[in-house]
Amino acid sequence: PRTRRLFVLLPLLIFLGLAGLFLSQLLSGRDVSEVPSALIGLPAPQTSLPPLEGSNLPGLYSKTFAGKVTLVNVFASWCA
């Protein structure tokens, strides 16, 4: 009976602990709209990716995007 009670109470205690942690972070008063990063304000690294062989798509070069706000979505086959 003691181990059975432990199996019932342990998930409940873990849940309550995590809920308390999340609630304390939520109520901490920090500005969550700003994500701190060491890269803010620094220029993007120079990129030179030639086009793939047999592809009609152009390559990717930093000079193409100079002075423009650009989002480059990079993913791999295991991300799907």
PDB file of N, CA and C in Angstrom:
ATOM      1  N   PRO A   1       0.822  -1.207   0.000  1.00  0.00           N
ATOM      2  CA  PRO A   1       0.000   0.000   0.000  1.00  0.00           C
ATOM      3  C   PRO A   1       0.862   1.267   0.000  1.00  0.00           C
ATOM      4  N   ARG A   2       2.036   1.216   0.648  1.00  0.00           N
ATOM      5  CA  ARG A   2       2.869   2.417   0.727  1.00  0.00           C
ATOM      6  C   ARG A   2       3.435   2.785  -0.645  1.00  0.00           C
ATOM      7  N   THR A   3       3.905   1.802  -1.413  1.00  0.00           N
ATOM      8  CA  THR A   3       4.437   2.098  -2.749  1.00  0.00           C
ATOM      9  C   THR A   3       3.325   2.553  -3.686  1.00  0.00           C
ATOM     10  N   ARG A   4       2.134   2.015  -3.500  1.00  0.00           N
ATOM     11  CA  ARG A   4       1.003   2.429  -4.330  1.00  0.00           C
ATOM     12  C   ARG A   4       0.665   3.900  -4.063  1.00  0.00           C
ATOM     13  N   ARG A   5       0.692   4.291  -2.816  1.00  0.00           N
ATOM     14  CA  ARG A   5       0.415   5.679  -2.459  1.00  0.00           C
ATOM     15  C   ARG A   5       1.504   6.588  -3.036  1.00  0.00           C
ATOM     16  N   LEU A   6       2.743   6.104  -3.040  1.00  0.00           N
ATOM     17  CA  LEU A   6       3.843   6.874  -3.611  1.00  0.00           C
ATOM     18  C   LEU A   6       3.633   7.087  -5.109  1.00  0.00           C
ATOM     19  N   PHE A   7       3.196   6.047  -5.819  1.00  0.00           N
ATOM     20  CA  PHE A   7       2.941   6.163  -7.251  1.00  0.00           C
ATOM     21  C   PHE A   7       1.789   7.111  -7.553  1.00  0.00           C
ATOM     22  N   VAL A   8       0.885   7.278  -6.622  1.00  0.00           N
ATOM     23  CA  VAL A   8      -0.228   8.204  -6.807  1.00  0.00           C
ATOM     24  C   VAL A   8       0.203   9.627  -6.461  1.00  0.00           C
ATOM     25  N   LEU A   9       0.948   9.791  -5.389  1.00  0.00           N
ATOM     26  CA  LEU A   9       1.318  11.123  -4.922  1.00  0.00           C
ATOM     27  C   LEU A   9       2.484  11.743  -5.692  1.00  0.00           C
ATOM     28  N   LEU A  10       3.403  10.934  -6.160  1.00  0.00           N
ATOM     29  CA  LEU A  10       4.585  11.464  -6.833  1.00  0.00           C
ATOM     30  C   LEU A  10       4.238  12.298  -8.069  1.00  0.00           C
ATOM     31  N   PRO A  11       3.411  11.812  -9.005  1.00  0.00           N
ATOM     32  CA  PRO A  11       3.056  12.671 -10.148  1.00  0.00           C
ATOM     33  C   PRO A  11       2.345  13.952  -9.715  1.00  0.00           C
ATOM     34  N   LEU A  12       1.510  13.864  -8.695  1.00  0.00           N
ATOM     35  CA  LEU A  12       0.809  15.041  -8.202  1.00  0.00           C
ATOM     36  C   LEU A  12       1.798  16.059  -7.631  1.00  0.00           C
ATOM     37  N   LEU A  13       2.771  15.594  -6.867  1.00  0.00           N
ATOM     38  CA  LEU A  13       3.773  16.493  -6.298  1.00  0.00           C
ATOM     39  C   LEU A  13       4.644  17.125  -7.384  1.00  0.00           C
ATOM     40  N   ILE A  14       5.000  16.351  -8.385  1.00  0.00           N
ATOM     41  CA  ILE A  14       5.791  16.890  -9.496  1.00  0.00           C
ATOM     42  C   ILE A  14       4.990  17.955 -10.238  1.00  0.00           C
ATOM     43  N   PHE A  15       3.719  17.664 -10.502  1.00  0.00           N
ATOM     44  CA  PHE A  15       2.861  18.629 -11.182  1.00  0.00           C
ATOM     45  C   PHE A  15       2.735  19.919 -10.375  1.00  0.00           C
ATOM     46  N   LEU A  16       2.482  19.793  -9.086  1.00  0.00           N
ATOM     47  CA  LEU A  16       2.330  20.976  -8.245  1.00  0.00           C
ATOM     48  C   LEU A  16       3.634  21.783  -8.170  1.00  0.00           C
ATOM     49  N   GLY A  17       4.763  21.096  -8.122  1.00  0.00           N
ATOM     50  CA  GLY A  17       6.049  21.787  -8.103  1.00  0.00           C
ATOM     51  C   GLY A  17       6.295  22.562  -9.389  1.00  0.00           C
ATOM     52  N   LEU A  18       6.022  21.928 -10.530  1.00  0.00           N
ATOM     53  CA  LEU A  18       6.197  22.614 -11.810  1.00  0.00           C
ATOM     54  C   LEU A  18       5.207  23.760 -11.968  1.00  0.00           C
ATOM     55  N   ALA A  19       3.964  23.548 -11.538  1.00  0.00           N
ATOM     56  CA  ALA A  19       2.963  24.614 -11.615  1.00  0.00           C
ATOM     57  C   ALA A  19       3.399  25.808 -10.767  1.00  0.00           C
ATOM     58  N   GLY A  20       3.934  25.550  -9.588  1.00  0.00           N
ATOM     59  CA  GLY A  20       4.423  26.630  -8.734  1.00  0.00           C
ATOM     60  C   GLY A  20       5.590  27.368  -9.368  1.00  0.00           C
ATOM     61  N   LEU A  21       6.493  26.628  -9.986  1.00  0.00           N
ATOM     62  CA  LEU A  21       7.637  27.243 -10.662  1.00  0.00           C
ATOM     63  C   LEU A  21       7.176  28.132 -11.814  1.00  0.00           C
ATOM     64  N   PHE A  22       6.275  27.618 -12.646  1.00  0.00           N
ATOM     65  CA  PHE A  22       5.769  28.397 -13.773  1.00  0.00           C
ATOM     66  C   PHE A  22       5.003  29.623 -13.299  1.00  0.00           C
ATOM     67  N   LEU A  23       4.215  29.473 -12.256  1.00  0.00           N
ATOM     68  CA  LEU A  23       3.447  30.596 -11.729  1.00  0.00           C
ATOM     69  C   LEU A  23       4.374  31.676 -11.163  1.00  0.00           C
ATOM     70  N   SER A  24       5.420  31.253 -10.469  1.00  0.00           N
ATOM     71  CA  SER A  24       6.351  32.245  -9.912  1.00  0.00           C
ATOM     72  C   SER A  24       7.057  33.017 -11.026  1.00  0.00           C
ATOM     73  N   GLN A  25       7.387  32.345 -12.124  1.00  0.00           N
ATOM     74  CA  GLN A  25       8.013  33.029 -13.256  1.00  0.00           C
ATOM     75  C   GLN A  25       7.027  33.968 -13.944  1.00  0.00           C
ATOM     76  N   LEU A  26       5.784  33.539 -14.022  1.00  0.00           N
ATOM     77  CA  LEU A  26       4.756  34.358 -14.658  1.00  0.00           C
ATOM     78  C   LEU A  26       4.485  35.624 -13.862  1.00  0.00           C
ATOM     79  N   LEU A  27       4.511  35.525 -12.554  1.00  0.00           N
ATOM     80  CA  LEU A  27       4.200  36.657 -11.692  1.00  0.00           C
ATOM     81  C   LEU A  27       5.430  37.461 -11.278  1.00  0.00           C
ATOM     82  N   SER A  28       6.592  37.144 -11.832  1.00  0.00           N
ATOM     83  CA  SER A  28       7.827  37.818 -11.423  1.00  0.00           C
ATOM     84  C   SER A  28       7.890  39.271 -11.886  1.00  0.00           C
ATOM     85  N   GLY A  29       7.079  39.649 -12.853  1.00  0.00           N
ATOM     86  CA  GLY A  29       7.052  41.029 -13.312  1.00  0.00           C
ATOM     87  C   GLY A  29       8.088  41.366 -14.364  1.00  0.00           C
ATOM     88  N   ARG A  30       8.806  40.372 -14.854  1.00  0.00           N
ATOM     89  CA  ARG A  30       9.797  40.636 -15.902  1.00  0.00           C
ATOM     90  C   ARG A  30       9.095  40.920 -17.227  1.00  0.00           C
ATOM     91  N   ASP A  31       9.739  41.730 -18.070  1.00  0.00           N
ATOM     92  CA  ASP A  31       9.201  42.044 -19.390  1.00  0.00           C
ATOM     93  C   ASP A  31       9.484  40.862 -20.316  1.00  0.00           C
ATOM     94  N   VAL A  32       8.451  40.108 -20.653  1.00  0.00           N
ATOM     95  CA  VAL A  32       8.634  38.918 -21.479  1.00  0.00           C
ATOM     96  C   VAL A  32       8.614  39.240 -22.969  1.00  0.00           C
ATOM     97  N   SER A  33       8.354  40.497 -23.324  1.00  0.00           N
ATOM     98  CA  SER A  33       8.338  40.856 -24.738  1.00  0.00           C
ATOM     99  C   SER A  33       9.751  41.063 -25.279  1.00  0.00           C
ATOM    100  N   GLU A  34      10.735  41.173 -24.409  1.00  0.00           N
ATOM    101  CA  GLU A  34      12.116  41.368 -24.837  1.00  0.00           C
ATOM    102  C   GLU A  34      12.923  40.115 -24.539  1.00  0.00           C
ATOM    103  N   VAL A  35      13.509  39.557 -25.586  1.00  0.00           N
ATOM    104  CA  VAL A  35      14.322  38.359 -25.442  1.00  0.00           C
ATOM    105  C   VAL A  35      15.790  38.782 -25.457  1.00  0.00           C
ATOM    106  N   PRO A  36      16.524  38.559 -24.361  1.00  0.00           N
ATOM    107  CA  PRO A  36      17.925  38.975 -24.337  1.00  0.00           C
ATOM    108  C   PRO A  36      18.780  38.114 -25.275  1.00  0.00           C
ATOM    109  N   SER A  37      19.691  38.748 -25.966  1.00  0.00           N
ATOM    110  CA  SER A  37      20.593  38.025 -26.852  1.00  0.00           C
ATOM    111  C   SER A  37      21.892  38.810 -27.000  1.00  0.00           C
ATOM    112  N   ALA A  38      22.983  38.104 -27.064  1.00  0.00           N
ATOM    113  CA  ALA A  38      24.283  38.746 -27.270  1.00  0.00           C
ATOM    114  C   ALA A  38      24.456  39.171 -28.725  1.00  0.00           C
ATOM    115  N   LEU A  39      23.580  38.714 -29.621  1.00  0.00           N
ATOM    116  CA  LEU A  39      23.725  39.000 -31.047  1.00  0.00           C
ATOM    117  C   LEU A  39      22.953  40.227 -31.506  1.00  0.00           C
ATOM    118  N   ILE A  40      22.125  40.814 -30.635  1.00  0.00           N
ATOM    119  CA  ILE A  40      21.332  41.981 -31.016  1.00  0.00           C
ATOM    120  C   ILE A  40      22.271  43.150 -31.284  1.00  0.00           C
ATOM    121  N   GLY A  41      22.068  43.790 -32.422  1.00  0.00           N
ATOM    122  CA  GLY A  41      22.878  44.946 -32.792  1.00  0.00           C
ATOM    123  C   GLY A  41      24.139  44.603 -33.564  1.00  0.00           C
ATOM    124  N   LEU A  42      24.463  43.338 -33.677  1.00  0.00           N
ATOM    125  CA  LEU A  42      25.648  42.932 -34.433  1.00  0.00           C
ATOM    126  C   LEU A  42      25.258  42.590 -35.864  1.00  0.00           C
ATOM    127  N   PRO A  43      26.150  42.810 -36.826  1.00  0.00           N
ATOM    128  CA  PRO A  43      25.827  42.439 -38.206  1.00  0.00           C
ATOM    129  C   PRO A  43      25.783  40.918 -38.358  1.00  0.00           C
ATOM    130  N   ALA A  44      24.981  40.486 -39.311  1.00  0.00           N
ATOM    131  CA  ALA A  44      24.894  39.049 -39.596  1.00  0.00           C
ATOM    132  C   ALA A  44      26.218  38.577 -40.190  1.00  0.00           C
ATOM    133  N   PRO A  45      26.582  37.331 -39.971  1.00  0.00           N
ATOM    134  CA  PRO A  45      27.826  36.824 -40.556  1.00  0.00           C
ATOM    135  C   PRO A  45      27.725  36.777 -42.083  1.00  0.00           C
ATOM    136  N   GLN A  46      28.853  36.916 -42.740  1.00  0.00           N
ATOM    137  CA  GLN A  46      28.880  36.844 -44.202  1.00  0.00           C
ATOM    138  C   GLN A  46      28.555  35.419 -44.641  1.00  0.00           C
ATOM    139  N   THR A  47      27.678  35.314 -45.625  1.00  0.00           N
ATOM    140  CA  THR A  47      27.218  34.012 -46.091  1.00  0.00           C
ATOM    141  C   THR A  47      27.434  33.898 -47.591  1.00  0.00           C
ATOM    142  N   SER A  48      27.913  32.755 -48.010  1.00  0.00           N
ATOM    143  CA  SER A  48      28.092  32.492 -49.428  1.00  0.00           C
ATOM    144  C   SER A  48      27.773  31.022 -49.674  1.00  0.00           C
ATOM    145  N   LEU A  49      26.546  30.762 -50.108  1.00  0.00           N
ATOM    146  CA  LEU A  49      26.127  29.394 -50.395  1.00  0.00           C
ATOM    147  C   LEU A  49      25.812  29.283 -51.882  1.00  0.00           C
ATOM    148  N   PRO A  50      26.626  28.561 -52.634  1.00  0.00           N
ATOM    149  CA  PRO A  50      26.375  28.434 -54.072  1.00  0.00           C
ATOM    150  C   PRO A  50      25.104  27.618 -54.329  1.00  0.00           C
ATOM    151  N   PRO A  51      24.518  27.759 -55.526  1.00  0.00           N
ATOM    152  CA  PRO A  51      23.314  26.975 -55.828  1.00  0.00           C
ATOM    153  C   PRO A  51      23.627  25.482 -55.880  1.00  0.00           C
ATOM    154  N   LEU A  52      22.619  24.681 -55.598  1.00  0.00           N
ATOM    155  CA  LEU A  52      22.784  23.232 -55.665  1.00  0.00           C
ATOM    156  C   LEU A  52      22.912  22.790 -57.113  1.00  0.00           C
ATOM    157  N   GLU A  53      23.708  21.773 -57.345  1.00  0.00           N
ATOM    158  CA  GLU A  53      23.869  21.262 -58.705  1.00  0.00           C
ATOM    159  C   GLU A  53      22.543  20.703 -59.200  1.00  0.00           C
ATOM    160  N   GLY A  54      22.213  21.011 -60.441  1.00  0.00           N
ATOM    161  CA  GLY A  54      20.980  20.508 -61.033  1.00  0.00           C
ATOM    162  C   GLY A  54      19.735  21.243 -60.575  1.00  0.00           C
ATOM    163  N   SER A  55      19.903  22.330 -59.841  1.00  0.00           N
ATOM    164  CA  SER A  55      18.761  23.089 -59.340  1.00  0.00           C
ATOM    165  C   SER A  55      18.665  24.421 -60.074  1.00  0.00           C
ATOM    166  N   ASN A  56      17.445  24.872 -60.297  1.00  0.00           N
ATOM    167  CA  ASN A  56      17.234  26.175 -60.927  1.00  0.00           C
ATOM    168  C   ASN A  56      17.177  27.296 -59.900  1.00  0.00           C
ATOM    169  N   LEU A  57      17.339  26.962 -58.628  1.00  0.00           N
ATOM    170  CA  LEU A  57      17.276  27.959 -57.567  1.00  0.00           C
ATOM    171  C   LEU A  57      18.610  28.685 -57.443  1.00  0.00           C
ATOM    172  N   PRO A  58      18.573  29.984 -57.148  1.00  0.00           N
ATOM    173  CA  PRO A  58      19.833  30.719 -56.985  1.00  0.00           C
ATOM    174  C   PRO A  58      20.504  30.362 -55.658  1.00  0.00           C
ATOM    175  N   GLY A  59      21.753  30.728 -55.546  1.00  0.00           N
ATOM    176  CA  GLY A  59      22.470  30.538 -54.287  1.00  0.00           C
ATOM    177  C   GLY A  59      22.031  31.581 -53.270  1.00  0.00           C
ATOM    178  N   LEU A  60      22.650  31.551 -52.118  1.00  0.00           N
ATOM    179  CA  LEU A  60      22.315  32.483 -51.039  1.00  0.00           C
ATOM    180  C   LEU A  60      23.578  33.255 -50.675  1.00  0.00           C
ATOM    181  N   TYR A  61      23.535  34.568 -50.893  1.00  0.00           N
ATOM    182  CA  TYR A  61      24.699  35.408 -50.648  1.00  0.00           C
ATOM    183  C   TYR A  61      24.306  36.593 -49.780  1.00  0.00           C
ATOM    184  N   SER A  62      25.171  36.985 -48.877  1.00  0.00           N
ATOM    185  CA  SER A  62      24.898  38.099 -47.962  1.00  0.00           C
ATOM    186  C   SER A  62      24.626  39.400 -48.702  1.00  0.00           C
ATOM    187  N   LYS A  63      25.347  39.647 -49.778  1.00  0.00           N
ATOM    188  CA  LYS A  63      25.195  40.919 -50.495  1.00  0.00           C
ATOM    189  C   LYS A  63      23.797  41.074 -51.093  1.00  0.00           C
ATOM    190  N   THR A  64      23.106  39.973 -51.345  1.00  0.00           N
ATOM    191  CA  THR A  64      21.750  40.035 -51.879  1.00  0.00           C
ATOM    192  C   THR A  64      20.796  40.674 -50.884  1.00  0.00           C
ATOM    193  N   PHE A  65      21.045  40.474 -49.608  1.00  0.00           N
ATOM    194  CA  PHE A  65      20.138  40.942 -48.567  1.00  0.00           C
ATOM    195  C   PHE A  65      20.665  42.165 -47.821  1.00  0.00           C
ATOM    196  N   ALA A  66      21.736  42.768 -48.296  1.00  0.00           N
ATOM    197  CA  ALA A  66      22.335  43.917 -47.604  1.00  0.00           C
ATOM    198  C   ALA A  66      21.324  45.056 -47.490  1.00  0.00           C
ATOM    199  N   GLY A  67      21.150  45.558 -46.277  1.00  0.00           N
ATOM    200  CA  GLY A  67      20.251  46.676 -46.027  1.00  0.00           C
ATOM    201  C   GLY A  67      18.789  46.308 -45.932  1.00  0.00           C
ATOM    202  N   LYS A  68      18.461  45.026 -45.982  1.00  0.00           N
ATOM    203  CA  LYS A  68      17.073  44.575 -45.916  1.00  0.00           C
ATOM    204  C   LYS A  68      16.864  43.734 -44.663  1.00  0.00           C
ATOM    205  N   VAL A  69      15.669  43.817 -44.110  1.00  0.00           N
ATOM    206  CA  VAL A  69      15.304  42.932 -43.008  1.00  0.00           C
ATOM    207  C   VAL A  69      14.931  41.595 -43.628  1.00  0.00           C
ATOM    208  N   THR A  70      15.602  40.530 -43.216  1.00  0.00           N
ATOM    209  CA  THR A  70      15.428  39.231 -43.852  1.00  0.00           C
ATOM    210  C   THR A  70      15.331  38.134 -42.805  1.00  0.00           C
ATOM    211  N   LEU A  71      14.413  37.209 -43.027  1.00  0.00           N
ATOM    212  CA  LEU A  71      14.297  36.026 -42.187  1.00  0.00           C
ATOM    213  C   LEU A  71      14.679  34.828 -43.035  1.00  0.00           C
ATOM    214  N   VAL A  72      15.693  34.104 -42.613  1.00  0.00           N
ATOM    215  CA  VAL A  72      16.131  32.906 -43.318  1.00  0.00           C
ATOM    216  C   VAL A  72      15.764  31.715 -42.455  1.00  0.00           C
ATOM    217  N   ASN A  73      14.892  30.870 -42.969  1.00  0.00           N
ATOM    218  CA  ASN A  73      14.449  29.685 -42.245  1.00  0.00           C
ATOM    219  C   ASN A  73      15.341  28.518 -42.653  1.00  0.00           C
ATOM    220  N   VAL A  74      16.142  28.042 -41.729  1.00  0.00           N
ATOM    221  CA  VAL A  74      17.055  26.937 -41.998  1.00  0.00           C
ATOM    222  C   VAL A  74      16.560  25.719 -41.232  1.00  0.00           C
ATOM    223  N   PHE A  75      16.338  24.626 -41.939  1.00  0.00           N
ATOM    224  CA  PHE A  75      15.887  23.403 -41.285  1.00  0.00           C
ATOM    225  C   PHE A  75      16.560  22.209 -41.951  1.00  0.00           C
ATOM    226  N   ALA A  76      16.441  21.076 -41.312  1.00  0.00           N
ATOM    227  CA  ALA A  76      17.032  19.855 -41.833  1.00  0.00           C
ATOM    228  C   ALA A  76      15.936  18.815 -42.030  1.00  0.00           C
ATOM    229  N   SER A  77      16.280  17.722 -42.664  1.00  0.00           N
ATOM    230  CA  SER A  77      15.279  16.703 -42.973  1.00  0.00           C
ATOM    231  C   SER A  77      14.650  16.117 -41.716  1.00  0.00           C
ATOM    232  N   TRP A  78      15.379  16.114 -40.598  1.00  0.00           N
ATOM    233  CA  TRP A  78      14.823  15.543 -39.377  1.00  0.00           C
ATOM    234  C   TRP A  78      13.908  16.514 -38.645  1.00  0.00           C
ATOM    235  N   CYS A  79      13.764  17.730 -39.129  1.00  0.00           N
ATOM    236  CA  CYS A  79      12.867  18.700 -38.494  1.00  0.00           C
ATOM    237  C   CYS A  79      11.413  18.488 -38.903  1.00  0.00           C
ATOM    238  N   ALA A  80      11.160  17.728 -39.941  1.00  0.00           N
ATOM    239  CA  ALA A  80       9.785  17.576 -40.451  1.00  0.00           C
ATOM    240  C   ALA A  80       9.010  16.536 -39.703  1.00  0.00           C
TER     241      ALA A  80
END
